């Protein structure tokens, strides 16, 4: 066993443990420890976003590329926020629809502003943000 691992006990109500075990099985965690580890990390990433440290993530957009000026507007928002845009990936889903993934990094407020500015563009069919971490604060 690695000296970095620490074992500890957790006391839970039977019903709560049963529901947790169902959660772990549904997500294919091999052990309770792996499921608990994932939940702790998810909580720490959420804290990074709330506390204002440097974060990373992805904004996913789906839009009709034929819609007048939409690509120009999307690109304009990205250029105005160039300090937070690391990379973009553009995919043609079909004749009309495109998917764009914008990889972002920076302070949560700046990343969320970029997301809101993209979200405000008329003609975007779907937009979502995947909040992530730079990994520095997560062991």
Foldseek 3Di string as FASTA:
>chain_A
DDPVDDDDDDDDDPVVVVVLVVVCVVVVPPDSVSVVLVVVVVVVLVVQLVVFHKWKWKKKWKFFPPPPCLVVQLVVLCVVLVVFFDDKDWDDPDPTMIMMMTITIGTNVSVVVSQVSNVPRPGTPDMDMDTGGPCPVRD
